[in-house]
C-alpha cells in the first residue's frame, strides 16, 4: 500500500463531504483513507464519517475518539496507518483530481522520504492564490545539502511523509497545541535521507475565519514560544543546533516576529505578550537583524522587523488599518 490519507475531523460538517469526495475523485488504488472523528460535538460529523465508512468499507476506516486536538487526531491516524507514505489532509481542504496520481508517479521514480509541493489557497469569498510552500530544488537532496529548505512553510499537509520517518524517530504531533506543524515538520526535514520538491499544486487550502490562525484568542499566540523551545531543544539534543542556527533564527523571525507579534500588535498594541516575544528573541537570537537570510525578506516584512525592533506596535496596527482600506 502506497498512501495512507489521514483526515482529522472536528465540527466541519459544511466542508467534510467536499474534502472526502475530493480524495475519492482520485485514483485511490493502493490507498487507505482514515477518518479520525476527534470527538466532534456538532452531532453531524460522526454520522458523515460512518456513512462514508459503510459505503467504502475496503477503502475508508473510521476511528471515533475523545478530543485530542489536530495533532492528537493525526497521531491516531499514524498508529492505524498501513501505507508506505502518510498524507495529512485537513477536513476543510481538498485535493485536485490528479493529486494521488502525481504523488504515485513521483514515488515510483525516486522513492524519497519526503515529497513537498505547493498549494492553492482560497478563502470563503472565492479569492484564490498560489503559494509556494518551499524552495524548488531539482533532483533529490537532504537538508544538510540544502539547509535553506528549513525555511519552508511548516504545513504538514503540503507534503507526504514516509511512515518509517515517524516510526524510526518516535516523532509525533503535539496534542491540543497550536503550531503543531512547526514542532514536527522541521524535525522530519532534518532526519529525512531524501527530499523531493514537486512543482504542481495538488492541495487546496481553505482560509476560513474560524481556523486557528484566524482565532481572536490572542493569549494562545504565546504557544509559538513553546513551539520554538521544543524545536531548539530537539535540534540541540540531536547535535544539529549550530549547523542550522541561522535557519532556525530566520524561522523565529518569520513566526515569532512577523506572524505572532504582528498578529497580536494588530489587535492590541499594548498586549503583554509583545514584551515576551521581544524578550525571547533577545535571549535566544540577539543578533537576528544580522541574519544572512534577512536580505530575502519582502520590503514590507523588513519594515515590520524595524518597527518591532523599535517597539512601534501602534504604528504596526495603523499600517495594517491603512493597508486594509486600500
C-alpha atoms as a PDB file:
ATOM      1  CA  UNK A   1       0.000   0.000   0.000  1.00  0.00           C
ATOM      2  CA  UNK A   2       1.489   3.324  -1.066  1.00  0.00           C
ATOM      3  CA  UNK A   3      -0.546   6.003   0.725  1.00  0.00           C
ATOM      4  CA  UNK A   4      -2.428   6.361   3.990  1.00  0.00           C
ATOM      5  CA  UNK A   5      -4.536   9.511   3.803  1.00  0.00           C
ATOM      6  CA  UNK A   6      -5.316  10.746   7.314  1.00  0.00           C
ATOM      7  CA  UNK A   7      -8.223  13.176   7.715  1.00  0.00           C
ATOM      8  CA  UNK A   8      -8.838  14.518  11.244  1.00  0.00           C
ATOM      9  CA  UNK A   9     -12.471  15.562  11.686  1.00  0.00           C
ATOM     10  CA  UNK A  10     -13.862  18.061  14.181  1.00  0.00           C
ATOM     11  CA  UNK A  11     -17.040  20.129  13.683  1.00  0.00           C
ATOM     12  CA  UNK A  12     -16.558  20.801   9.980  1.00  0.00           C
ATOM     13  CA  UNK A  13     -19.882  19.499   8.689  1.00  0.00           C
ATOM     14  CA  UNK A  14     -20.216  22.054   5.911  1.00  0.00           C
ATOM     15  CA  UNK A  15     -16.817  21.135   4.431  1.00  0.00           C
ATOM     16  CA  UNK A  16     -16.354  17.462   5.270  1.00  0.00           C
ATOM     17  CA  UNK A  17     -18.157  15.841   2.343  1.00  0.00           C
ATOM     18  CA  UNK A  18     -16.326  18.059  -0.131  1.00  0.00           C
ATOM     19  CA  UNK A  19     -12.989  17.122   1.388  1.00  0.00           C
ATOM     20  CA  UNK A  20     -13.646  13.363   1.371  1.00  0.00           C
ATOM     21  CA  UNK A  21     -15.178  13.489  -2.120  1.00  0.00           C
ATOM     22  CA  UNK A  22     -12.102  15.292  -3.472  1.00  0.00           C
ATOM     23  CA  UNK A  23      -9.951  12.393  -2.270  1.00  0.00           C
ATOM     24  CA  UNK A  24     -12.346   9.812  -3.702  1.00  0.00           C
ATOM     25  CA  UNK A  25     -12.310  11.638  -7.054  1.00  0.00           C
ATOM     26  CA  UNK A  26      -8.686  10.497  -7.342  1.00  0.00           C
ATOM     27  CA  UNK A  27      -7.389   7.073  -8.278  1.00  0.00           C
ATOM     28  CA  UNK A  28      -7.334   5.554  -4.788  1.00  0.00           C
ATOM     29  CA  UNK A  29      -5.657   2.311  -5.833  1.00  0.00           C
ATOM     30  CA  UNK A  30      -3.163   1.248  -3.150  1.00  0.00           C
ATOM     31  CA  UNK A  31      -4.596   3.840  -0.748  1.00  0.00           C
ATOM     32  CA  UNK A  32      -6.114   3.797   2.711  1.00  0.00           C
ATOM     33  CA  UNK A  33      -8.318   6.667   3.913  1.00  0.00           C
ATOM     34  CA  UNK A  34      -8.513   7.113   7.685  1.00  0.00           C
ATOM     35  CA  UNK A  35     -11.217   9.401   9.066  1.00  0.00           C
ATOM     36  CA  UNK A  36     -10.441  10.293  12.676  1.00  0.00           C
ATOM     37  CA  UNK A  37     -13.524  11.732  14.373  1.00  0.00           C
ATOM     38  CA  UNK A  38     -11.794  13.753  17.087  1.00  0.00           C
ATOM     39  CA  UNK A  39     -14.731  13.919  19.474  1.00  0.00           C
ATOM     40  CA  UNK A  40     -16.831  16.124  17.191  1.00  0.00           C
ATOM     41  CA  UNK A  41     -19.681  17.784  19.108  1.00  0.00           C
ATOM     42  CA  UNK A  42     -21.811  19.053  16.220  1.00  0.00           C
ATOM     43  CA  UNK A  43     -23.891  15.885  16.042  1.00  0.00           C
ATOM     44  CA  UNK A  44     -23.261  15.659  12.286  1.00  0.00           C
ATOM     45  CA  UNK A  45     -19.622  14.851  11.547  1.00  0.00           C
ATOM     46  CA  UNK A  46     -19.539  11.443  13.307  1.00  0.00           C
ATOM     47  CA  UNK A  47     -22.512  10.319  11.218  1.00  0.00           C
ATOM     48  CA  UNK A  48     -20.942  11.554   7.979  1.00  0.00           C
ATOM     49  CA  UNK A  49     -17.773   9.603   8.798  1.00  0.00           C
ATOM     50  CA  UNK A  50     -19.776   6.425   9.466  1.00  0.00           C
ATOM     51  CA  UNK A  51     -21.740   6.931   6.279  1.00  0.00           C
ATOM     52  CA  UNK A  52     -18.589   7.020   4.165  1.00  0.00           C
ATOM     53  CA  UNK A  53     -17.055   4.148   6.115  1.00  0.00           C
ATOM     54  CA  UNK A  54     -20.095   1.972   5.401  1.00  0.00           C
ATOM     55  CA  UNK A  55     -20.173   2.960   1.727  1.00  0.00           C
ATOM     56  CA  UNK A  56     -16.460   2.273   1.153  1.00  0.00           C
ATOM     57  CA  UNK A  57     -15.617  -0.484   3.662  1.00  0.00           C
ATOM     58  CA  UNK A  58     -12.444  -1.656   1.931  1.00  0.00           C
ATOM     59  CA  UNK A  59     -11.081   1.834   1.488  1.00  0.00           C
ATOM     60  CA  UNK A  60     -12.216   4.060   4.370  1.00  0.00           C
ATOM     61  CA  UNK A  61     -11.544   3.313   8.015  1.00  0.00           C
ATOM     62  CA  UNK A  62     -13.369   5.373  10.654  1.00  0.00           C
ATOM     63  CA  UNK A  63     -11.990   5.956  14.148  1.00  0.00           C
ATOM     64  CA  UNK A  64     -14.000   7.751  16.861  1.00  0.00           C
ATOM     65  CA  UNK A  65     -12.077   9.127  19.837  1.00  0.00           C
ATOM     66  CA  UNK A  66     -12.235  11.693  22.617  1.00  0.00           C
ATOM     67  CA  UNK A  67     -10.969  15.091  21.570  1.00  0.00           C
ATOM     68  CA  UNK A  68      -7.164  15.264  21.365  1.00  0.00           C
ATOM     69  CA  UNK A  69      -6.815  18.205  19.002  1.00  0.00           C
ATOM     70  CA  UNK A  70      -5.498  18.187  15.450  1.00  0.00           C
ATOM     71  CA  UNK A  71      -2.136  16.780  16.460  1.00  0.00           C
ATOM     72  CA  UNK A  72      -3.661  14.017  18.563  1.00  0.00           C
ATOM     73  CA  UNK A  73      -6.030  13.035  15.745  1.00  0.00           C
ATOM     74  CA  UNK A  74      -3.122  12.823  13.310  1.00  0.00           C
ATOM     75  CA  UNK A  75      -1.230  10.638  15.776  1.00  0.00           C
ATOM     76  CA  UNK A  76      -4.198   8.279  15.945  1.00  0.00           C
ATOM     77  CA  UNK A  77      -4.117   8.110  12.167  1.00  0.00           C
ATOM     78  CA  UNK A  78      -0.396   7.354  12.191  1.00  0.00           C
ATOM     79  CA  UNK A  79      -0.981   4.444  14.579  1.00  0.00           C
ATOM     80  CA  UNK A  80      -3.636   2.983  12.272  1.00  0.00           C
ATOM     81  CA  UNK A  81      -1.788   3.653   9.012  1.00  0.00           C
ATOM     82  CA  UNK A  82      -0.521   0.821   6.844  1.00  0.00           C
ATOM     83  CA  UNK A  83       0.732   2.800   3.850  1.00  0.00           C
ATOM     84  CA  UNK A  84       4.340   3.446   2.947  1.00  0.00           C
ATOM     85  CA  UNK A  85       3.605   7.199   2.943  1.00  0.00           C
ATOM     86  CA  UNK A  86       1.364   9.401   5.084  1.00  0.00           C
ATOM     87  CA  UNK A  87      -0.697  12.265   3.671  1.00  0.00           C
ATOM     88  CA  UNK A  88      -2.346  14.568   6.250  1.00  0.00           C
ATOM     89  CA  UNK A  89      -5.406  16.242   4.717  1.00  0.00           C
ATOM     90  CA  UNK A  90      -7.375  18.721   6.825  1.00  0.00           C
ATOM     91  CA  UNK A  91     -11.111  18.134   6.667  1.00  0.00           C
ATOM     92  CA  UNK A  92     -11.922  21.571   5.253  1.00  0.00           C
ATOM     93  CA  UNK A  93      -9.303  21.285   2.493  1.00  0.00           C
ATOM     94  CA  UNK A  94      -9.469  19.442  -0.822  1.00  0.00           C
ATOM     95  CA  UNK A  95      -7.219  17.684  -3.336  1.00  0.00           C
ATOM     96  CA  UNK A  96      -7.015  18.182  -7.074  1.00  0.00           C
ATOM     97  CA  UNK A  97      -8.370  15.224  -9.117  1.00  0.00           C
ATOM     98  CA  UNK A  98      -4.861  14.173 -10.178  1.00  0.00           C
ATOM     99  CA  UNK A  99      -3.158  14.644  -6.791  1.00  0.00           C
ATOM    100  CA  UNK A 100      -2.646  10.975  -5.949  1.00  0.00           C
ATOM    101  CA  UNK A 101      -1.527  10.102  -9.475  1.00  0.00           C
ATOM    102  CA  UNK A 102       1.097  12.849  -9.316  1.00  0.00           C
ATOM    103  CA  UNK A 103       2.333  11.561  -5.975  1.00  0.00           C
ATOM    104  CA  UNK A 104       2.301   7.932  -7.060  1.00  0.00           C
ATOM    105  CA  UNK A 105       4.395   8.768 -10.144  1.00  0.00           C
ATOM    106  CA  UNK A 106       6.924  10.721  -8.055  1.00  0.00           C
ATOM    107  CA  UNK A 107       7.239   7.864  -5.561  1.00  0.00           C
ATOM    108  CA  UNK A 108       7.810   5.312  -8.315  1.00  0.00           C
ATOM    109  CA  UNK A 109      10.569   7.478  -9.788  1.00  0.00           C
ATOM    110  CA  UNK A 110      12.539   8.433  -6.679  1.00  0.00           C
ATOM    111  CA  UNK A 111      11.318   6.642  -3.522  1.00  0.00           C
ATOM    112  CA  UNK A 112      12.239   9.684  -1.374  1.00  0.00           C
ATOM    113  CA  UNK A 113      11.455  10.122   2.316  1.00  0.00           C
ATOM    114  CA  UNK A 114       9.584  13.414   1.817  1.00  0.00           C
ATOM    115  CA  UNK A 115       7.750  14.973  -1.129  1.00  0.00           C
ATOM    116  CA  UNK A 116       6.933  18.670  -0.870  1.00  0.00           C
ATOM    117  CA  UNK A 117       4.529  20.507  -3.156  1.00  0.00           C
ATOM    118  CA  UNK A 118       2.974  23.981  -3.495  1.00  0.00           C
ATOM    119  CA  UNK A 119      -0.694  24.517  -2.762  1.00  0.00           C
ATOM    120  CA  UNK A 120      -3.536  26.753  -3.779  1.00  0.00           C
ATOM    121  CA  UNK A 121      -5.075  28.848  -1.004  1.00  0.00           C
ATOM    122  CA  UNK A 122      -8.613  30.169  -1.277  1.00  0.00           C
ATOM    123  CA  UNK A 123     -10.975  31.937   1.105  1.00  0.00           C
ATOM    124  CA  UNK A 124     -14.710  31.634   1.596  1.00  0.00           C
ATOM    125  CA  UNK A 125     -15.285  34.540  -0.795  1.00  0.00           C
ATOM    126  CA  UNK A 126     -13.643  32.584  -3.614  1.00  0.00           C
ATOM    127  CA  UNK A 127     -10.411  34.567  -3.776  1.00  0.00           C
ATOM    128  CA  UNK A 128      -7.535  32.298  -4.682  1.00  0.00           C
ATOM    129  CA  UNK A 129      -3.750  32.436  -4.609  1.00  0.00           C
ATOM    130  CA  UNK A 130      -0.900  30.072  -5.403  1.00  0.00           C
ATOM    131  CA  UNK A 131       1.516  29.516  -2.524  1.00  0.00           C
ATOM    132  CA  UNK A 132       4.995  28.058  -2.772  1.00  0.00           C
ATOM    133  CA  UNK A 133       5.403  26.122   0.452  1.00  0.00           C
ATOM    134  CA  UNK A 134       9.140  25.611  -0.050  1.00  0.00           C
ATOM    135  CA  UNK A 135      12.018  26.425  -2.353  1.00  0.00           C
ATOM    136  CA  UNK A 136      12.119  24.375  -5.539  1.00  0.00           C
ATOM    137  CA  UNK A 137      15.134  22.093  -5.850  1.00  0.00           C
ATOM    138  CA  UNK A 138      15.912  19.921  -8.839  1.00  0.00           C
ATOM    139  CA  UNK A 139      16.558  16.290  -8.041  1.00  0.00           C
ATOM    140  CA  UNK A 140      16.812  14.532  -4.700  1.00  0.00           C
ATOM    141  CA  UNK A 141      18.510  16.283  -1.772  1.00  0.00           C
ATOM    142  CA  UNK A 142      18.909  16.352   2.007  1.00  0.00           C
ATOM    143  CA  UNK A 143      18.569  19.232   4.436  1.00  0.00           C
ATOM    144  CA  UNK A 144      22.327  19.116   5.071  1.00  0.00           C
ATOM    145  CA  UNK A 145      22.874  19.756   1.363  1.00  0.00           C
ATOM    146  CA  UNK A 146      20.215  22.486   1.128  1.00  0.00           C
ATOM    147  CA  UNK A 147      19.776  23.974   4.629  1.00  0.00           C
ATOM    148  CA  UNK A 148      17.613  26.791   3.253  1.00  0.00           C
ATOM    149  CA  UNK A 149      14.840  24.210   2.817  1.00  0.00           C
ATOM    150  CA  UNK A 150      14.310  24.563   6.581  1.00  0.00           C
ATOM    151  CA  UNK A 151      12.797  27.985   5.825  1.00  0.00           C
ATOM    152  CA  UNK A 152       9.848  26.292   4.123  1.00  0.00           C
ATOM    153  CA  UNK A 153       6.345  26.753   5.434  1.00  0.00           C
ATOM    154  CA  UNK A 154       5.915  24.020   8.049  1.00  0.00           C
ATOM    155  CA  UNK A 155       2.477  22.933   6.756  1.00  0.00           C
ATOM    156  CA  UNK A 156       2.315  19.153   7.211  1.00  0.00           C
ATOM    157  CA  UNK A 157      -0.388  18.781   4.559  1.00  0.00           C
ATOM    158  CA  UNK A 158       1.865  20.271   1.884  1.00  0.00           C
ATOM    159  CA  UNK A 159       3.994  17.128   1.981  1.00  0.00           C
ATOM    160  CA  UNK A 160       3.728  13.410   2.063  1.00  0.00           C
ATOM    161  CA  UNK A 161       5.982  11.642   4.542  1.00  0.00           C
ATOM    162  CA  UNK A 162       7.440   8.164   4.575  1.00  0.00           C
ATOM    163  CA  UNK A 163       5.777   6.449   7.520  1.00  0.00           C
ATOM    164  CA  UNK A 164       9.110   4.981   8.546  1.00  0.00           C
ATOM    165  CA  UNK A 165      10.299   8.507   9.454  1.00  0.00           C
ATOM    166  CA  UNK A 166       7.724   8.636  12.242  1.00  0.00           C
ATOM    167  CA  UNK A 167       8.229   5.041  13.318  1.00  0.00           C
ATOM    168  CA  UNK A 168      12.032   5.258  13.410  1.00  0.00           C
ATOM    169  CA  UNK A 169      12.246   8.617  15.185  1.00  0.00           C
ATOM    170  CA  UNK A 170       9.256   8.394  17.519  1.00  0.00           C
ATOM    171  CA  UNK A 171       8.308  11.933  16.467  1.00  0.00           C
ATOM    172  CA  UNK A 172       4.612  12.715  16.800  1.00  0.00           C
ATOM    173  CA  UNK A 173       2.443  15.825  16.669  1.00  0.00           C
ATOM    174  CA  UNK A 174       1.768  17.577  19.997  1.00  0.00           C
ATOM    175  CA  UNK A 175      -1.788  17.219  21.275  1.00  0.00           C
ATOM    176  CA  UNK A 176      -4.130  20.196  21.724  1.00  0.00           C
ATOM    177  CA  UNK A 177      -1.444  22.711  20.804  1.00  0.00           C
ATOM    178  CA  UNK A 178      -1.132  25.482  18.287  1.00  0.00           C
ATOM    179  CA  UNK A 179       1.834  25.430  15.908  1.00  0.00           C
ATOM    180  CA  UNK A 180       1.866  21.634  15.842  1.00  0.00           C
ATOM    181  CA  UNK A 181       3.328  21.616  12.328  1.00  0.00           C
ATOM    182  CA  UNK A 182       6.452  23.628  13.115  1.00  0.00           C
ATOM    183  CA  UNK A 183       7.196  21.303  16.043  1.00  0.00           C
ATOM    184  CA  UNK A 184       7.042  18.313  13.720  1.00  0.00           C
ATOM    185  CA  UNK A 185       7.857  19.129  10.091  1.00  0.00           C
ATOM    186  CA  UNK A 186      11.238  20.765  10.759  1.00  0.00           C
ATOM    187  CA  UNK A 187      12.474  17.739  12.728  1.00  0.00           C
ATOM    188  CA  UNK A 188      11.396  15.376   9.966  1.00  0.00           C
ATOM    189  CA  UNK A 189      13.134  17.532   7.344  1.00  0.00           C
ATOM    190  CA  UNK A 190      16.355  17.199   9.324  1.00  0.00           C
ATOM    191  CA  UNK A 191      16.031  13.418   9.611  1.00  0.00           C
ATOM    192  CA  UNK A 192      14.987  12.724   6.032  1.00  0.00           C
ATOM    193  CA  UNK A 193      17.618  11.000   3.924  1.00  0.00           C
ATOM    194  CA  UNK A 194      15.987  12.201   0.706  1.00  0.00           C
ATOM    195  CA  UNK A 195      13.620  15.079  -0.140  1.00  0.00           C
ATOM    196  CA  UNK A 196      11.954  15.918  -3.451  1.00  0.00           C
ATOM    197  CA  UNK A 197      10.090  19.108  -4.350  1.00  0.00           C
ATOM    198  CA  UNK A 198       7.249  18.969  -6.858  1.00  0.00           C
ATOM    199  CA  UNK A 199       6.142  21.941  -8.939  1.00  0.00           C
ATOM    200  CA  UNK A 200       2.468  21.099  -9.374  1.00  0.00           C
ATOM    201  CA  UNK A 201      -0.013  22.363  -6.735  1.00  0.00           C
ATOM    202  CA  UNK A 202      -2.188  19.398  -5.784  1.00  0.00           C
ATOM    203  CA  UNK A 203      -3.630  20.600  -2.454  1.00  0.00           C
ATOM    204  CA  UNK A 204      -6.304  23.285  -1.995  1.00  0.00           C
ATOM    205  CA  UNK A 205      -6.159  25.011   1.393  1.00  0.00           C
ATOM    206  CA  UNK A 206      -9.223  26.844   2.700  1.00  0.00           C
ATOM    207  CA  UNK A 207      -8.503  30.030   4.647  1.00  0.00           C
ATOM    208  CA  UNK A 208     -11.525  30.448   6.877  1.00  0.00           C
ATOM    209  CA  UNK A 209     -12.233  32.816   9.734  1.00  0.00           C
ATOM    210  CA  UNK A 210     -12.859  30.005  12.187  1.00  0.00           C
ATOM    211  CA  UNK A 211      -9.442  28.426  11.729  1.00  0.00           C
ATOM    212  CA  UNK A 212      -6.655  28.529  14.308  1.00  0.00           C
ATOM    213  CA  UNK A 213      -4.614  31.173  12.538  1.00  0.00           C
ATOM    214  CA  UNK A 214      -7.644  33.483  12.439  1.00  0.00           C
ATOM    215  CA  UNK A 215      -8.605  32.928  16.067  1.00  0.00           C
ATOM    216  CA  UNK A 216      -9.226  36.010  18.169  1.00  0.00           C
ATOM    217  CA  UNK A 217      -7.738  34.298  21.240  1.00  0.00           C
ATOM    218  CA  UNK A 218      -4.592  36.417  21.473  1.00  0.00           C
ATOM    219  CA  UNK A 219      -3.188  34.721  24.559  1.00  0.00           C
ATOM    220  CA  UNK A 220      -2.722  31.435  22.728  1.00  0.00           C
ATOM    221  CA  UNK A 221      -0.179  33.099  20.450  1.00  0.00           C
ATOM    222  CA  UNK A 222       2.254  32.554  23.298  1.00  0.00           C
ATOM    223  CA  UNK A 223       2.385  28.919  22.239  1.00  0.00           C
ATOM    224  CA  UNK A 224       4.786  29.899  19.457  1.00  0.00           C
ATOM    225  CA  UNK A 225       7.414  30.281  22.196  1.00  0.00           C
ATOM    226  CA  UNK A 226       6.648  26.786  23.491  1.00  0.00           C
ATOM    227  CA  UNK A 227       6.971  25.514  19.928  1.00  0.00           C
ATOM    228  CA  UNK A 228      10.386  27.128  19.471  1.00  0.00           C
ATOM    229  CA  UNK A 229      11.617  25.872  22.823  1.00  0.00           C
ATOM    230  CA  UNK A 230      10.619  22.376  21.732  1.00  0.00           C
ATOM    231  CA  UNK A 231      12.293  22.856  18.352  1.00  0.00           C
ATOM    232  CA  UNK A 232      15.550  24.311  19.658  1.00  0.00           C
ATOM    233  CA  UNK A 233      15.781  21.640  22.365  1.00  0.00           C
ATOM    234  CA  UNK A 234      15.353  18.875  19.806  1.00  0.00           C
ATOM    235  CA  UNK A 235      17.991  20.309  17.446  1.00  0.00           C
ATOM    236  CA  UNK A 236      20.380  20.802  20.380  1.00  0.00           C
ATOM    237  CA  UNK A 237      19.871  17.273  21.709  1.00  0.00           C
ATOM    238  CA  UNK A 238      20.427  15.839  18.245  1.00  0.00           C
ATOM    239  CA  UNK A 239      23.650  17.811  17.696  1.00  0.00           C
ATOM    240  CA  UNK A 240      22.240  19.959  14.885  1.00  0.00           C
ATOM    241  CA  UNK A 241      21.588  23.310  16.550  1.00  0.00           C
ATOM    242  CA  UNK A 242      24.774  25.057  15.410  1.00  0.00           C
ATOM    243  CA  UNK A 243      24.571  23.582  11.916  1.00  0.00           C
ATOM    244  CA  UNK A 244      21.129  25.103  11.399  1.00  0.00           C
ATOM    245  CA  UNK A 245      21.261  28.080  13.763  1.00  0.00           C
ATOM    246  CA  UNK A 246      20.886  30.704  11.024  1.00  0.00           C
ATOM    247  CA  UNK A 247      17.929  28.882   9.512  1.00  0.00           C
ATOM    248  CA  UNK A 248      16.262  28.458  12.907  1.00  0.00           C
ATOM    249  CA  UNK A 249      16.895  32.120  13.645  1.00  0.00           C
ATOM    250  CA  UNK A 250      15.199  33.116  10.395  1.00  0.00           C
ATOM    251  CA  UNK A 251      12.283  30.808  11.276  1.00  0.00           C
ATOM    252  CA  UNK A 252      11.966  32.687  14.575  1.00  0.00           C
ATOM    253  CA  UNK A 253      11.915  35.979  12.667  1.00  0.00           C
ATOM    254  CA  UNK A 254       9.126  34.630  10.475  1.00  0.00           C
ATOM    255  CA  UNK A 255       6.995  33.017  13.168  1.00  0.00           C
ATOM    256  CA  UNK A 256       7.698  34.864  16.432  1.00  0.00           C
ATOM    257  CA  UNK A 257       8.020  38.346  14.951  1.00  0.00           C
ATOM    258  CA  UNK A 258       6.334  38.553  11.554  1.00  0.00           C
ATOM    259  CA  UNK A 259       3.457  36.217  12.446  1.00  0.00           C
ATOM    260  CA  UNK A 260       2.720  36.133  16.186  1.00  0.00           C
ATOM    261  CA  UNK A 261       3.980  39.611  17.128  1.00  0.00           C
ATOM    262  CA  UNK A 262       2.248  41.303  14.203  1.00  0.00           C
ATOM    263  CA  UNK A 263      -0.971  39.345  14.826  1.00  0.00           C
ATOM    264  CA  UNK A 264      -1.077  40.497  18.452  1.00  0.00           C
ATOM    265  CA  UNK A 265       0.012  44.084  17.706  1.00  0.00           C
ATOM    266  CA  UNK A 266      -2.745  44.498  15.131  1.00  0.00           C
ATOM    267  CA  UNK A 267      -5.332  43.611  17.782  1.00  0.00           C
ATOM    268  CA  UNK A 268      -3.774  45.186  20.892  1.00  0.00           C
ATOM    269  CA  UNK A 269      -0.524  47.219  20.679  1.00  0.00           C
ATOM    270  CA  UNK A 270      -0.219  47.160  24.490  1.00  0.00           C
ATOM    271  CA  UNK A 271      -0.683  43.441  24.999  1.00  0.00           C
ATOM    272  CA  UNK A 272       1.899  41.982  27.455  1.00  0.00           C
ATOM    273  CA  UNK A 273       2.723  39.179  25.017  1.00  0.00           C
ATOM    274  CA  UNK A 274       4.577  41.669  22.829  1.00  0.00           C
ATOM    275  CA  UNK A 275       7.227  42.163  25.505  1.00  0.00           C
ATOM    276  CA  UNK A 276       7.521  38.388  25.943  1.00  0.00           C
ATOM    277  CA  UNK A 277       8.139  37.896  22.235  1.00  0.00           C
ATOM    278  CA  UNK A 278      10.790  40.610  22.252  1.00  0.00           C
ATOM    279  CA  UNK A 279      12.496  39.144  25.345  1.00  0.00           C
ATOM    280  CA  UNK A 280      12.548  35.684  23.783  1.00  0.00           C
ATOM    281  CA  UNK A 281      14.247  36.944  20.640  1.00  0.00           C
ATOM    282  CA  UNK A 282      16.773  38.989  22.621  1.00  0.00           C
ATOM    283  CA  UNK A 283      17.630  35.964  24.782  1.00  0.00           C
ATOM    284  CA  UNK A 284      17.880  33.373  22.017  1.00  0.00           C
ATOM    285  CA  UNK A 285      18.708  35.317  18.868  1.00  0.00           C
ATOM    286  CA  UNK A 286      20.199  38.654  19.981  1.00  0.00           C
ATOM    287  CA  UNK A 287      21.734  39.389  16.565  1.00  0.00           C
ATOM    288  CA  UNK A 288      18.737  38.360  14.493  1.00  0.00           C
ATOM    289  CA  UNK A 289      18.793  41.591  12.462  1.00  0.00           C
ATOM    290  CA  UNK A 290      22.157  40.484  11.042  1.00  0.00           C
ATOM    291  CA  UNK A 291      20.811  37.143   9.862  1.00  0.00           C
ATOM    292  CA  UNK A 292      22.052  36.487   6.298  1.00  0.00           C
ATOM    293  CA  UNK A 293      18.564  35.457   5.198  1.00  0.00           C
ATOM    294  CA  UNK A 294      17.158  38.880   6.129  1.00  0.00           C
ATOM    295  CA  UNK A 295      18.072  40.190   2.675  1.00  0.00           C
ATOM    296  CA  UNK A 296      15.480  37.870   1.151  1.00  0.00           C
ATOM    297  CA  UNK A 297      12.572  39.354   3.109  1.00  0.00           C
ATOM    298  CA  UNK A 298       9.987  41.379   1.185  1.00  0.00           C
ATOM    299  CA  UNK A 299      10.143  45.146   1.730  1.00  0.00           C
ATOM    300  CA  UNK A 300       7.048  45.177   3.957  1.00  0.00           C
ATOM    301  CA  UNK A 301       8.498  42.464   6.185  1.00  0.00           C
ATOM    302  CA  UNK A 302      11.766  44.361   6.554  1.00  0.00           C
ATOM    303  CA  UNK A 303       9.764  47.413   7.609  1.00  0.00           C
ATOM    304  CA  UNK A 304       7.813  45.352  10.130  1.00  0.00           C
ATOM    305  CA  UNK A 305      11.015  43.956  11.650  1.00  0.00           C
ATOM    306  CA  UNK A 306      12.308  47.521  12.029  1.00  0.00           C
ATOM    307  CA  UNK A 307       9.067  48.649  13.697  1.00  0.00           C
ATOM    308  CA  UNK A 308       9.081  45.639  16.025  1.00  0.00           C
ATOM    309  CA  UNK A 309      12.702  46.284  16.969  1.00  0.00           C
ATOM    310  CA  UNK A 310      11.724  49.857  17.846  1.00  0.00           C
ATOM    311  CA  UNK A 311       8.635  48.668  19.771  1.00  0.00           C
ATOM    312  CA  UNK A 312       6.417  50.688  17.449  1.00  0.00           C
ATOM    313  CA  UNK A 313       3.421  48.399  17.848  1.00  0.00           C
ATOM    314  CA  UNK A 314       0.808  51.122  17.415  1.00  0.00           C
ATOM    315  CA  UNK A 315       2.382  52.012  14.081  1.00  0.00           C
ATOM    316  CA  UNK A 316       2.079  48.392  13.017  1.00  0.00           C
ATOM    317  CA  UNK A 317      -1.645  48.444  13.762  1.00  0.00           C
ATOM    318  CA  UNK A 318      -2.036  51.756  11.902  1.00  0.00           C
ATOM    319  CA  UNK A 319      -0.053  50.424   8.941  1.00  0.00           C
ATOM    320  CA  UNK A 320      -2.368  47.448   8.532  1.00  0.00           C
ATOM    321  CA  UNK A 321      -5.503  49.533   9.005  1.00  0.00           C
ATOM    322  CA  UNK A 322      -4.373  51.761   6.157  1.00  0.00           C
ATOM    323  CA  UNK A 323      -3.389  48.737   4.069  1.00  0.00           C
ATOM    324  CA  UNK A 324      -6.814  47.137   4.619  1.00  0.00           C
ATOM    325  CA  UNK A 325      -8.556  50.269   3.352  1.00  0.00           C
ATOM    326  CA  UNK A 326      -6.632  50.312   0.084  1.00  0.00           C
END
